[in-house]
Amino acid sequence: MKALRDYRDEILREIDGHWEVPFRQFVDDFRREHDMSAIAAPTPGGNPEVDALRASTIEFICHEQGLENPAWTWDVPALAQPWFVSGFENLKAICIVESPVQFRRRLIFTLKNVLERV
């Protein structure tokens, strides 16, 4: 399994395009492998949205899988401005209500099924 920093680099390259692909690959790999070394303290990404998304996602998955959350995620602050991941204006209200607490505490708003796969 790739380390979190490798996925971070892919997400950063795609942040204005299809960042969801490497993001979902990380989620799938971590759920399958439970490789705690893959989520060891990452180097700073330099992109607050990506850093907050990584930390929130790891907290969510660790909670879901009954794994201990790495301590470094608590050091990742909330964003300066709310980020509505979907980008659709008409979904903002429902995202505020549905967003999992691990995302909401960092001002990331998404649908409750953000990490579900079809």
PDB file of N, CA and C in Angstrom:
ATOM      1  N   MET A   1       0.833  -1.179   0.000  1.00  0.00           N
ATOM      2  CA  MET A   1       0.000   0.000   0.000  1.00  0.00           C
ATOM      3  C   MET A   1       0.875   1.239   0.000  1.00  0.00           C
ATOM      4  N   LYS A   2       0.479   2.218  -0.785  1.00  0.00           N
ATOM      5  CA  LYS A   2       1.226   3.473  -0.827  1.00  0.00           C
ATOM      6  C   LYS A   2       1.082   4.218   0.487  1.00  0.00           C
ATOM      7  N   ALA A   3       2.069   5.030   0.794  1.00  0.00           N
ATOM      8  CA  ALA A   3       1.991   5.894   1.968  1.00  0.00           C
ATOM      9  C   ALA A   3       1.061   7.065   1.659  1.00  0.00           C
ATOM     10  N   LEU A   4       0.541   7.653   2.699  1.00  0.00           N
ATOM     11  CA  LEU A   4      -0.377   8.776   2.548  1.00  0.00           C
ATOM     12  C   LEU A   4       0.239   9.917   1.755  1.00  0.00           C
ATOM     13  N   ARG A   5       1.520  10.152   1.938  1.00  0.00           N
ATOM     14  CA  ARG A   5       2.169  11.262   1.207  1.00  0.00           C
ATOM     15  C   ARG A   5       2.156  11.017  -0.303  1.00  0.00           C
ATOM     16  N   ASP A   6       2.208   9.742  -0.724  1.00  0.00           N
ATOM     17  CA  ASP A   6       2.158   9.442  -2.155  1.00  0.00           C
ATOM     18  C   ASP A   6       0.776   9.766  -2.722  1.00  0.00           C
ATOM     19  N   TYR A   7      -0.252   9.410  -1.984  1.00  0.00           N
ATOM     20  CA  TYR A   7      -1.603   9.765  -2.418  1.00  0.00           C
ATOM     21  C   TYR A   7      -1.795  11.277  -2.383  1.00  0.00           C
ATOM     22  N   ARG A   8      -1.237  11.926  -1.349  1.00  0.00           N
ATOM     23  CA  ARG A   8      -1.337  13.381  -1.253  1.00  0.00           C
ATOM     24  C   ARG A   8      -0.750  14.048  -2.496  1.00  0.00           C
ATOM     25  N   ASP A   9       0.405  13.561  -2.937  1.00  0.00           N
ATOM     26  CA  ASP A   9       1.034  14.140  -4.119  1.00  0.00           C
ATOM     27  C   ASP A   9       0.151  13.975  -5.354  1.00  0.00           C
ATOM     28  N   GLU A  10      -0.493  12.815  -5.484  1.00  0.00           N
ATOM     29  CA  GLU A  10      -1.404  12.596  -6.620  1.00  0.00           C
ATOM     30  C   GLU A  10      -2.623  13.509  -6.524  1.00  0.00           C
ATOM     31  N   ILE A  11      -3.165  13.653  -5.326  1.00  0.00           N
ATOM     32  CA  ILE A  11      -4.333  14.519  -5.136  1.00  0.00           C
ATOM     33  C   ILE A  11      -3.968  15.962  -5.450  1.00  0.00           C
ATOM     34  N   LEU A  12      -2.800  16.405  -4.989  1.00  0.00           N
ATOM     35  CA  LEU A  12      -2.366  17.777  -5.262  1.00  0.00           C
ATOM     36  C   LEU A  12      -2.193  18.034  -6.756  1.00  0.00           C
ATOM     37  N   ARG A  13      -1.678  17.045  -7.480  1.00  0.00           N
ATOM     38  CA  ARG A  13      -1.519  17.216  -8.930  1.00  0.00           C
ATOM     39  C   ARG A  13      -2.866  17.350  -9.615  1.00  0.00           C
ATOM     40  N   GLU A  14      -3.887  16.731  -9.044  1.00  0.00           N
ATOM     41  CA  GLU A  14      -5.211  16.696  -9.667  1.00  0.00           C
ATOM     42  C   GLU A  14      -6.221  17.631  -9.003  1.00  0.00           C
ATOM     43  N   ILE A  15      -5.792  18.476  -8.076  1.00  0.00           N
ATOM     44  CA  ILE A  15      -6.728  19.255  -7.270  1.00  0.00           C
ATOM     45  C   ILE A  15      -7.702  20.083  -8.117  1.00  0.00           C
ATOM     46  N   ASP A  16      -7.300  20.527  -9.272  1.00  0.00           N
ATOM     47  CA  ASP A  16      -8.215  21.281 -10.126  1.00  0.00           C
ATOM     48  C   ASP A  16      -8.910  20.393 -11.152  1.00  0.00           C
ATOM     49  N   GLY A  17      -8.653  19.114 -11.089  1.00  0.00           N
ATOM     50  CA  GLY A  17      -9.249  18.189 -12.052  1.00  0.00           C
ATOM     51  C   GLY A  17      -9.976  17.066 -11.355  1.00  0.00           C
ATOM     52  N   HIS A  18      -9.428  15.884 -11.442  1.00  0.00           N
ATOM     53  CA  HIS A  18     -10.086  14.695 -10.911  1.00  0.00           C
ATOM     54  C   HIS A  18      -9.363  14.155  -9.683  1.00  0.00           C
ATOM     55  N   TRP A  19      -9.251  14.975  -8.644  1.00  0.00           N
ATOM     56  CA  TRP A  19      -8.575  14.569  -7.415  1.00  0.00           C
ATOM     57  C   TRP A  19      -9.301  13.430  -6.710  1.00  0.00           C
ATOM     58  N   GLU A  20     -10.570  13.236  -7.039  1.00  0.00           N
ATOM     59  CA  GLU A  20     -11.348  12.201  -6.371  1.00  0.00           C
ATOM     60  C   GLU A  20     -10.801  10.797  -6.657  1.00  0.00           C
ATOM     61  N   VAL A  21     -10.171  10.604  -7.803  1.00  0.00           N
ATOM     62  CA  VAL A  21      -9.665   9.279  -8.170  1.00  0.00           C
ATOM     63  C   VAL A  21      -8.577   8.825  -7.188  1.00  0.00           C
ATOM     64  N   PRO A  22      -7.473   9.565  -7.005  1.00  0.00           N
ATOM     65  CA  PRO A  22      -6.480   9.106  -6.029  1.00  0.00           C
ATOM     66  C   PRO A  22      -7.024   9.120  -4.599  1.00  0.00           C
ATOM     67  N   PHE A  23      -7.942  10.035  -4.300  1.00  0.00           N
ATOM     68  CA  PHE A  23      -8.565  10.082  -2.978  1.00  0.00           C
ATOM     69  C   PHE A  23      -9.312   8.776  -2.703  1.00  0.00           C
ATOM     70  N   ARG A  24     -10.130   8.348  -3.643  1.00  0.00           N
ATOM     71  CA  ARG A  24     -10.898   7.109  -3.465  1.00  0.00           C
ATOM     72  C   ARG A  24      -9.985   5.871  -3.479  1.00  0.00           C
ATOM     73  N   GLN A  25      -8.886   5.937  -4.228  1.00  0.00           N
ATOM     74  CA  GLN A  25      -7.932   4.818  -4.215  1.00  0.00           C
ATOM     75  C   GLN A  25      -7.325   4.652  -2.831  1.00  0.00           C
ATOM     76  N   PHE A  26      -6.983   5.780  -2.219  1.00  0.00           N
ATOM     77  CA  PHE A  26      -6.460   5.717  -0.855  1.00  0.00           C
ATOM     78  C   PHE A  26      -7.485   5.097   0.091  1.00  0.00           C
ATOM     79  N   VAL A  27      -8.729   5.574   0.026  1.00  0.00           N
ATOM     80  CA  VAL A  27      -9.789   5.067   0.899  1.00  0.00           C
ATOM     81  C   VAL A  27      -9.947   3.554   0.715  1.00  0.00           C
ATOM     82  N   ASP A  28     -10.025   3.113  -0.521  1.00  0.00           N
ATOM     83  CA  ASP A  28     -10.176   1.680  -0.801  1.00  0.00           C
ATOM     84  C   ASP A  28      -8.996   0.876  -0.272  1.00  0.00           C
ATOM     85  N   ASP A  29      -7.782   1.348  -0.542  1.00  0.00           N
ATOM     86  CA  ASP A  29      -6.582   0.638  -0.098  1.00  0.00           C
ATOM     87  C   ASP A  29      -6.516   0.549   1.423  1.00  0.00           C
ATOM     88  N   PHE A  30      -6.804   1.649   2.095  1.00  0.00           N
ATOM     89  CA  PHE A  30      -6.705   1.639   3.553  1.00  0.00           C
ATOM     90  C   PHE A  30      -7.780   0.752   4.180  1.00  0.00           C
ATOM     91  N   ARG A  31      -8.980   0.808   3.656  1.00  0.00           N
ATOM     92  CA  ARG A  31     -10.039  -0.067   4.182  1.00  0.00           C
ATOM     93  C   ARG A  31      -9.676  -1.543   4.009  1.00  0.00           C
ATOM     94  N   ARG A  32      -9.041  -1.862   2.919  1.00  0.00           N
ATOM     95  CA  ARG A  32      -8.686  -3.248   2.628  1.00  0.00           C
ATOM     96  C   ARG A  32      -7.479  -3.704   3.450  1.00  0.00           C
ATOM     97  N   GLU A  33      -6.458  -2.876   3.528  1.00  0.00           N
ATOM     98  CA  GLU A  33      -5.182  -3.277   4.125  1.00  0.00           C
ATOM     99  C   GLU A  33      -5.046  -2.988   5.621  1.00  0.00           C
ATOM    100  N   HIS A  34      -5.697  -1.931   6.102  1.00  0.00           N
ATOM    101  CA  HIS A  34      -5.535  -1.483   7.496  1.00  0.00           C
ATOM    102  C   HIS A  34      -4.059  -1.266   7.833  1.00  0.00           C
ATOM    103  N   ASP A  35      -3.296  -0.787   6.879  1.00  0.00           N
ATOM    104  CA  ASP A  35      -1.866  -0.581   7.060  1.00  0.00           C
ATOM    105  C   ASP A  35      -1.631   0.756   7.759  1.00  0.00           C
ATOM    106  N   MET A  36      -1.438   0.698   9.079  1.00  0.00           N
ATOM    107  CA  MET A  36      -1.275   1.922   9.866  1.00  0.00           C
ATOM    108  C   MET A  36      -0.009   2.690   9.475  1.00  0.00           C
ATOM    109  N   SER A  37       0.986   2.011   8.927  1.00  0.00           N
ATOM    110  CA  SER A  37       2.186   2.727   8.507  1.00  0.00           C
ATOM    111  C   SER A  37       1.885   3.654   7.326  1.00  0.00           C
ATOM    112  N   ALA A  38       0.838   3.359   6.582  1.00  0.00           N
ATOM    113  CA  ALA A  38       0.474   4.193   5.438  1.00  0.00           C
ATOM    114  C   ALA A  38      -0.106   5.535   5.860  1.00  0.00           C
ATOM    115  N   ILE A  39      -0.545   5.636   7.114  1.00  0.00           N
ATOM    116  CA  ILE A  39      -1.115   6.906   7.573  1.00  0.00           C
ATOM    117  C   ILE A  39      -0.264   7.554   8.653  1.00  0.00           C
ATOM    118  N   ALA A  40       0.994   7.131   8.729  1.00  0.00           N
ATOM    119  CA  ALA A  40       1.914   7.764   9.664  1.00  0.00           C
ATOM    120  C   ALA A  40       2.003   9.249   9.326  1.00  0.00           C
ATOM    121  N   ALA A  41       2.439  10.035  10.268  1.00  0.00           N
ATOM    122  CA  ALA A  41       2.464  11.490  10.112  1.00  0.00           C
ATOM    123  C   ALA A  41       3.012  11.909   8.756  1.00  0.00           C
ATOM    124  N   PRO A  42       2.186  12.524   7.939  1.00  0.00           N
ATOM    125  CA  PRO A  42       2.637  12.945   6.616  1.00  0.00           C
ATOM    126  C   PRO A  42       3.400  14.262   6.671  1.00  0.00           C
ATOM    127  N   THR A  43       4.155  14.501   5.640  1.00  0.00           N
ATOM    128  CA  THR A  43       4.792  15.800   5.523  1.00  0.00           C
ATOM    129  C   THR A  43       3.711  16.810   5.150  1.00  0.00           C
ATOM    130  N   PRO A  44       3.867  18.063   5.573  1.00  0.00           N
ATOM    131  CA  PRO A  44       2.847  19.062   5.249  1.00  0.00           C
ATOM    132  C   PRO A  44       2.626  19.148   3.746  1.00  0.00           C
ATOM    133  N   GLY A  45       1.372  19.233   3.354  1.00  0.00           N
ATOM    134  CA  GLY A  45       1.034  19.255   1.939  1.00  0.00           C
ATOM    135  C   GLY A  45       1.055  20.629   1.322  1.00  0.00           C
ATOM    136  N   GLY A  46       0.972  21.670   2.146  1.00  0.00           N
ATOM    137  CA  GLY A  46       0.979  23.017   1.599  1.00  0.00           C
ATOM    138  C   GLY A  46      -0.353  23.430   1.002  1.00  0.00           C
ATOM    139  N   ASN A  47      -1.351  22.570   1.086  1.00  0.00           N
ATOM    140  CA  ASN A  47      -2.677  22.894   0.588  1.00  0.00           C
ATOM    141  C   ASN A  47      -3.654  22.607   1.732  1.00  0.00           C
ATOM    142  N   PRO A  48      -4.196  23.647   2.358  1.00  0.00           N
ATOM    143  CA  PRO A  48      -5.059  23.434   3.529  1.00  0.00           C
ATOM    144  C   PRO A  48      -6.253  22.521   3.264  1.00  0.00           C
ATOM    145  N   GLU A  49      -6.844  22.628   2.074  1.00  0.00           N
ATOM    146  CA  GLU A  49      -8.001  21.776   1.771  1.00  0.00           C
ATOM    147  C   GLU A  49      -7.603  20.306   1.734  1.00  0.00           C
ATOM    148  N   VAL A  50      -6.503  19.998   1.073  1.00  0.00           N
ATOM    149  CA  VAL A  50      -6.046  18.615   0.968  1.00  0.00           C
ATOM    150  C   VAL A  50      -5.626  18.094   2.338  1.00  0.00           C
ATOM    151  N   ASP A  51      -4.915  18.911   3.123  1.00  0.00           N
ATOM    152  CA  ASP A  51      -4.498  18.482   4.457  1.00  0.00           C
ATOM    153  C   ASP A  51      -5.712  18.180   5.332  1.00  0.00           C
ATOM    154  N   ALA A  52      -6.709  19.052   5.306  1.00  0.00           N
ATOM    155  CA  ALA A  52      -7.917  18.855   6.111  1.00  0.00           C
ATOM    156  C   ALA A  52      -8.713  17.651   5.621  1.00  0.00           C
ATOM    157  N   LEU A  53      -8.780  17.471   4.315  1.00  0.00           N
ATOM    158  CA  LEU A  53      -9.486  16.326   3.752  1.00  0.00           C
ATOM    159  C   LEU A  53      -8.820  15.015   4.166  1.00  0.00           C
ATOM    160  N   ARG A  54      -7.491  14.966   4.104  1.00  0.00           N
ATOM    161  CA  ARG A  54      -6.761  13.757   4.511  1.00  0.00           C
ATOM    162  C   ARG A  54      -7.014  13.430   5.972  1.00  0.00           C
ATOM    163  N   ALA A  55      -6.867  14.425   6.841  1.00  0.00           N
ATOM    164  CA  ALA A  55      -7.041  14.190   8.274  1.00  0.00           C
ATOM    165  C   ALA A  55      -8.472  13.750   8.587  1.00  0.00           C
ATOM    166  N   SER A  56      -9.445  14.404   8.008  1.00  0.00           N
ATOM    167  CA  SER A  56     -10.850  14.056   8.254  1.00  0.00           C
ATOM    168  C   SER A  56     -11.163  12.653   7.757  1.00  0.00           C
ATOM    169  N   THR A  57     -10.654  12.323   6.604  1.00  0.00           N
ATOM    170  CA  THR A  57     -10.893  11.004   6.026  1.00  0.00           C
ATOM    171  C   THR A  57     -10.290   9.911   6.897  1.00  0.00           C
ATOM    172  N   ILE A  58      -9.078  10.114   7.354  1.00  0.00           N
ATOM    173  CA  ILE A  58      -8.420   9.124   8.202  1.00  0.00           C
ATOM    174  C   ILE A  58      -9.179   8.953   9.509  1.00  0.00           C
ATOM    175  N   GLU A  59      -9.603  10.063  10.110  1.00  0.00           N
ATOM    176  CA  GLU A  59     -10.383   9.959  11.343  1.00  0.00           C
ATOM    177  C   GLU A  59     -11.681   9.184  11.108  1.00  0.00           C
ATOM    178  N   PHE A  60     -12.348   9.460  10.008  1.00  0.00           N
ATOM    179  CA  PHE A  60     -13.601   8.784   9.681  1.00  0.00           C
ATOM    180  C   PHE A  60     -13.382   7.284   9.509  1.00  0.00           C
ATOM    181  N   ILE A  61     -12.390   6.921   8.705  1.00  0.00           N
ATOM    182  CA  ILE A  61     -12.145   5.501   8.431  1.00  0.00           C
ATOM    183  C   ILE A  61     -11.675   4.768   9.683  1.00  0.00           C
ATOM    184  N   CYS A  62     -10.804   5.388  10.467  1.00  0.00           N
ATOM    185  CA  CYS A  62     -10.348   4.736  11.698  1.00  0.00           C
ATOM    186  C   CYS A  62     -11.529   4.489  12.637  1.00  0.00           C
ATOM    187  N   HIS A  63     -12.404   5.463  12.760  1.00  0.00           N
ATOM    188  CA  HIS A  63     -13.601   5.283  13.589  1.00  0.00           C
ATOM    189  C   HIS A  63     -14.464   4.147  13.038  1.00  0.00           C
ATOM    190  N   GLU A  64     -14.683   4.169  11.747  1.00  0.00           N
ATOM    191  CA  GLU A  64     -15.503   3.159  11.073  1.00  0.00           C
ATOM    192  C   GLU A  64     -14.944   1.746  11.270  1.00  0.00           C
ATOM    193  N   GLN A  65     -13.634   1.619  11.186  1.00  0.00           N
ATOM    194  CA  GLN A  65     -12.978   0.311  11.238  1.00  0.00           C
ATOM    195  C   GLN A  65     -12.555  -0.107  12.652  1.00  0.00           C
ATOM    196  N   GLY A  66     -12.810   0.756  13.648  1.00  0.00           N
ATOM    197  CA  GLY A  66     -12.427   0.441  15.021  1.00  0.00           C
ATOM    198  C   GLY A  66     -10.931   0.496  15.252  1.00  0.00           C
ATOM    199  N   LEU A  67     -10.247   1.342  14.483  1.00  0.00           N
ATOM    200  CA  LEU A  67      -8.794   1.492  14.603  1.00  0.00           C
ATOM    201  C   LEU A  67      -8.469   2.758  15.385  1.00  0.00           C
ATOM    202  N   GLU A  68      -7.301   2.768  16.003  1.00  0.00           N
ATOM    203  CA  GLU A  68      -6.880   3.965  16.728  1.00  0.00           C
ATOM    204  C   GLU A  68      -6.485   5.048  15.736  1.00  0.00           C
ATOM    205  N   ASN A  69      -6.987   6.223  15.976  1.00  0.00           N
ATOM    206  CA  ASN A  69      -6.721   7.366  15.114  1.00  0.00           C
ATOM    207  C   ASN A  69      -5.299   7.884  15.362  1.00  0.00           C
ATOM    208  N   PRO A  70      -4.505   8.138  14.325  1.00  0.00           N
ATOM    209  CA  PRO A  70      -3.164   8.690  14.555  1.00  0.00           C
ATOM    210  C   PRO A  70      -3.263  10.094  15.157  1.00  0.00           C
ATOM    211  N   ALA A  71      -2.419  10.367  16.134  1.00  0.00           N
ATOM    212  CA  ALA A  71      -2.485  11.628  16.884  1.00  0.00           C
ATOM    213  C   ALA A  71      -2.280  12.863  16.010  1.00  0.00           C
ATOM    214  N   TRP A  72      -1.527  12.742  14.916  1.00  0.00           N
ATOM    215  CA  TRP A  72      -1.210  13.922  14.109  1.00  0.00           C
ATOM    216  C   TRP A  72      -2.456  14.574  13.514  1.00  0.00           C
ATOM    217  N   THR A  73      -3.520  13.817  13.320  1.00  0.00           N
ATOM    218  CA  THR A  73      -4.708  14.409  12.692  1.00  0.00           C
ATOM    219  C   THR A  73      -5.315  15.508  13.554  1.00  0.00           C
ATOM    220  N   TRP A  74      -5.147  15.407  14.871  1.00  0.00           N
ATOM    221  CA  TRP A  74      -5.712  16.430  15.754  1.00  0.00           C
ATOM    222  C   TRP A  74      -5.022  17.778  15.583  1.00  0.00           C
ATOM    223  N   ASP A  75      -3.840  17.781  15.019  1.00  0.00           N
ATOM    224  CA  ASP A  75      -3.106  19.029  14.799  1.00  0.00           C
ATOM    225  C   ASP A  75      -3.496  19.737  13.502  1.00  0.00           C
ATOM    226  N   VAL A  76      -4.309  19.097  12.680  1.00  0.00           N
ATOM    227  CA  VAL A  76      -4.727  19.707  11.409  1.00  0.00           C
ATOM    228  C   VAL A  76      -5.928  20.605  11.694  1.00  0.00           C
ATOM    229  N   PRO A  77      -5.768  21.904  11.469  1.00  0.00           N
ATOM    230  CA  PRO A  77      -6.829  22.844  11.841  1.00  0.00           C
ATOM    231  C   PRO A  77      -8.001  22.861  10.859  1.00  0.00           C
ATOM    232  N   ALA A  78      -9.048  23.526  11.297  1.00  0.00           N
ATOM    233  CA  ALA A  78     -10.197  23.772  10.420  1.00  0.00           C
ATOM    234  C   ALA A  78      -9.774  24.746   9.328  1.00  0.00           C
ATOM    235  N   LEU A  79     -10.468  24.694   8.220  1.00  0.00           N
ATOM    236  CA  LEU A  79     -10.197  25.611   7.117  1.00  0.00           C
ATOM    237  C   LEU A  79     -10.634  27.030   7.488  1.00  0.00           C
ATOM    238  N   ALA A  80     -10.042  28.005   6.847  1.00  0.00           N
ATOM    239  CA  ALA A  80     -10.409  29.396   7.093  1.00  0.00           C
ATOM    240  C   ALA A  80     -11.814  29.698   6.560  1.00  0.00           C
ATOM    241  N   GLN A  81     -12.183  29.030   5.472  1.00  0.00           N
ATOM    242  CA  GLN A  81     -13.500  29.202   4.853  1.00  0.00           C
ATOM    243  C   GLN A  81     -14.123  27.822   4.653  1.00  0.00           C
ATOM    244  N   PRO A  82     -15.433  27.706   4.786  1.00  0.00           N
ATOM    245  CA  PRO A  82     -16.077  26.417   4.529  1.00  0.00           C
ATOM    246  C   PRO A  82     -15.809  25.936   3.103  1.00  0.00           C
ATOM    247  N   TRP A  83     -15.646  24.624   2.973  1.00  0.00           N
ATOM    248  CA  TRP A  83     -15.429  24.008   1.665  1.00  0.00           C
ATOM    249  C   TRP A  83     -16.562  23.022   1.418  1.00  0.00           C
ATOM    250  N   PHE A  84     -17.352  23.286   0.407  1.00  0.00           N
ATOM    251  CA  PHE A  84     -18.422  22.395   0.000  1.00  0.00           C
ATOM    252  C   PHE A  84     -17.882  21.553  -1.146  1.00  0.00           C
ATOM    253  N   VAL A  85     -17.528  20.324  -0.838  1.00  0.00           N
ATOM    254  CA  VAL A  85     -16.800  19.457  -1.749  1.00  0.00           C
ATOM    255  C   VAL A  85     -17.552  19.237  -3.059  1.00  0.00           C
ATOM    256  N   SER A  86     -18.861  19.112  -2.998  1.00  0.00           N
ATOM    257  CA  SER A  86     -19.625  18.825  -4.217  1.00  0.00           C
ATOM    258  C   SER A  86     -19.541  19.969  -5.225  1.00  0.00           C
ATOM    259  N   GLY A  87     -19.428  21.197  -4.724  1.00  0.00           N
ATOM    260  CA  GLY A  87     -19.368  22.349  -5.613  1.00  0.00           C
ATOM    261  C   GLY A  87     -20.727  22.776  -6.154  1.00  0.00           C
ATOM    262  N   PHE A  88     -21.780  22.087  -5.773  1.00  0.00           N
ATOM    263  CA  PHE A  88     -23.119  22.414  -6.259  1.00  0.00           C
ATOM    264  C   PHE A  88     -23.850  23.260  -5.231  1.00  0.00           C
ATOM    265  N   GLU A  89     -24.220  24.439  -5.626  1.00  0.00           N
ATOM    266  CA  GLU A  89     -24.895  25.385  -4.742  1.00  0.00           C
ATOM    267  C   GLU A  89     -26.154  24.788  -4.117  1.00  0.00           C
ATOM    268  N   ASN A  90     -26.927  24.054  -4.905  1.00  0.00           N
ATOM    269  CA  ASN A  90     -28.196  23.529  -4.404  1.00  0.00           C
ATOM    270  C   ASN A  90     -28.022  22.376  -3.404  1.00  0.00           C
ATOM    271  N   LEU A  91     -26.802  21.883  -3.191  1.00  0.00           N
ATOM    272  CA  LEU A  91     -26.567  20.824  -2.218  1.00  0.00           C
ATOM    273  C   LEU A  91     -26.007  21.336  -0.890  1.00  0.00           C
ATOM    274  N   LYS A  92     -25.741  22.632  -0.804  1.00  0.00           N
ATOM    275  CA  LYS A  92     -25.090  23.165   0.394  1.00  0.00           C
ATOM    276  C   LYS A  92     -25.875  22.893   1.673  1.00  0.00           C
ATOM    277  N   ALA A  93     -27.160  23.130   1.666  1.00  0.00           N
ATOM    278  CA  ALA A  93     -27.955  22.943   2.890  1.00  0.00           C
ATOM    279  C   ALA A  93     -27.924  21.498   3.362  1.00  0.00           C
ATOM    280  N   ILE A  94     -28.104  20.573   2.454  1.00  0.00           N
ATOM    281  CA  ILE A  94     -28.096  19.164   2.857  1.00  0.00           C
ATOM    282  C   ILE A  94     -26.699  18.728   3.298  1.00  0.00           C
ATOM    283  N   CYS A  95     -25.658  19.275   2.693  1.00  0.00           N
ATOM    284  CA  CYS A  95     -24.286  18.939   3.093  1.00  0.00           C
ATOM    285  C   CYS A  95     -23.998  19.423   4.514  1.00  0.00           C
ATOM    286  N   ILE A  96     -24.525  20.574   4.885  1.00  0.00           N
ATOM    287  CA  ILE A  96     -24.334  21.087   6.244  1.00  0.00           C
ATOM    288  C   ILE A  96     -24.933  20.114   7.255  1.00  0.00           C
ATOM    289  N   VAL A  97     -26.092  19.571   6.932  1.00  0.00           N
ATOM    290  CA  VAL A  97     -26.777  18.645   7.835  1.00  0.00           C
ATOM    291  C   VAL A  97     -26.134  17.265   7.831  1.00  0.00           C
ATOM    292  N   GLU A  98     -25.779  16.750   6.667  1.00  0.00           N
ATOM    293  CA  GLU A  98     -25.318  15.364   6.529  1.00  0.00           C
ATOM    294  C   GLU A  98     -23.827  15.140   6.760  1.00  0.00           C
ATOM    295  N   SER A  99     -23.028  16.141   6.627  1.00  0.00           N
ATOM    296  CA  SER A  99     -21.576  15.960   6.679  1.00  0.00           C
ATOM    297  C   SER A  99     -21.139  15.266   7.968  1.00  0.00           C
ATOM    298  N   PRO A 100     -20.329  14.194   7.866  1.00  0.00           N
ATOM    299  CA  PRO A 100     -19.845  13.513   9.072  1.00  0.00           C
ATOM    300  C   PRO A 100     -19.047  14.470   9.960  1.00  0.00           C
ATOM    301  N   VAL A 101     -19.128  14.255  11.257  1.00  0.00           N
ATOM    302  CA  VAL A 101     -18.493  15.149  12.220  1.00  0.00           C
ATOM    303  C   VAL A 101     -16.995  15.310  11.966  1.00  0.00           C
ATOM    304  N   GLN A 102     -16.338  14.260  11.510  1.00  0.00           N
ATOM    305  CA  GLN A 102     -14.899  14.340  11.258  1.00  0.00           C
ATOM    306  C   GLN A 102     -14.581  15.371  10.179  1.00  0.00           C
ATOM    307  N   PHE A 103     -15.500  15.603   9.267  1.00  0.00           N
ATOM    308  CA  PHE A 103     -15.321  16.591   8.211  1.00  0.00           C
ATOM    309  C   PHE A 103     -15.835  17.956   8.670  1.00  0.00           C
ATOM    310  N   ARG A 104     -16.987  17.937   9.299  1.00  0.00           N
ATOM    311  CA  ARG A 104     -17.642  19.178   9.711  1.00  0.00           C
ATOM    312  C   ARG A 104     -16.767  19.995  10.652  1.00  0.00           C
ATOM    313  N   ARG A 105     -16.037  19.337  11.531  1.00  0.00           N
ATOM    314  CA  ARG A 105     -15.217  20.086  12.492  1.00  0.00           C
ATOM    315  C   ARG A 105     -14.078  20.856  11.821  1.00  0.00           C
ATOM    316  N   ARG A 106     -13.776  20.490  10.583  1.00  0.00           N
ATOM    317  CA  ARG A 106     -12.758  21.223   9.811  1.00  0.00           C
ATOM    318  C   ARG A 106     -13.380  22.083   8.723  1.00  0.00           C
ATOM    319  N   LEU A 107     -14.678  22.299   8.811  1.00  0.00           N
ATOM    320  CA  LEU A 107     -15.434  23.120   7.853  1.00  0.00           C
ATOM    321  C   LEU A 107     -15.449  22.531   6.449  1.00  0.00           C
ATOM    322  N   ILE A 108     -15.406  21.210   6.378  1.00  0.00           N
ATOM    323  CA  ILE A 108     -15.575  20.499   5.106  1.00  0.00           C
ATOM    324  C   ILE A 108     -16.989  19.948   5.124  1.00  0.00           C
ATOM    325  N   PHE A 109     -17.752  20.276   4.100  1.00  0.00           N
ATOM    326  CA  PHE A 109     -19.139  19.851   4.042  1.00  0.00           C
ATOM    327  C   PHE A 109     -19.375  18.999   2.808  1.00  0.00           C
ATOM    328  N   THR A 110     -19.945  17.838   3.061  1.00  0.00           N
ATOM    329  CA  THR A 110     -20.170  16.876   2.003  1.00  0.00           C
ATOM    330  C   THR A 110     -21.405  16.047   2.335  1.00  0.00           C
ATOM    331  N   LEU A 111     -21.830  15.249   1.427  1.00  0.00           N
ATOM    332  CA  LEU A 111     -22.947  14.351   1.684  1.00  0.00           C
ATOM    333  C   LEU A 111     -22.482  13.224   2.607  1.00  0.00           C
ATOM    334  N   LYS A 112     -23.403  12.620   3.350  1.00  0.00           N
ATOM    335  CA  LYS A 112     -23.038  11.581   4.310  1.00  0.00           C
ATOM    336  C   LYS A 112     -22.395  10.361   3.671  1.00  0.00           C
ATOM    337  N   ASN A 113     -22.631  10.166   2.388  1.00  0.00           N
ATOM    338  CA  ASN A 113     -22.081   8.996   1.700  1.00  0.00           C
ATOM    339  C   ASN A 113     -20.760   9.296   1.003  1.00  0.00           C
ATOM    340  N   VAL A 114     -20.057  10.306   1.449  1.00  0.00           N
ATOM    341  CA  VAL A 114     -18.820  10.736   0.795  1.00  0.00           C
ATOM    342  C   VAL A 114     -17.817   9.599   0.616  1.00  0.00           C
ATOM    343  N   LEU A 115     -17.771   8.664   1.541  1.00  0.00           N
ATOM    344  CA  LEU A 115     -16.777   7.602   1.450  1.00  0.00           C
ATOM    345  C   LEU A 115     -17.383   6.251   1.082  1.00  0.00           C
ATOM    346  N   GLU A 116     -18.627   6.253   0.661  1.00  0.00           N
ATOM    347  CA  GLU A 116     -19.247   5.015   0.209  1.00  0.00           C
ATOM    348  C   GLU A 116     -18.904   4.778  -1.242  1.00  0.00           C
ATOM    349  N   ARG A 117     -18.856   3.502  -1.611  1.00  0.00           N
ATOM    350  CA  ARG A 117     -18.582   3.131  -2.988  1.00  0.00           C
ATOM    351  C   ARG A 117     -19.836   2.507  -3.576  1.00  0.00           C
ATOM    352  N   VAL A 118     -20.022   2.705  -4.865  1.00  0.00           N
ATOM    353  CA  VAL A 118     -21.191   2.105  -5.529  1.00  0.00           C
ATOM    354  C   VAL A 118     -20.879   0.717  -5.992  1.00  0.00           C
TER     355      VAL A 118
END
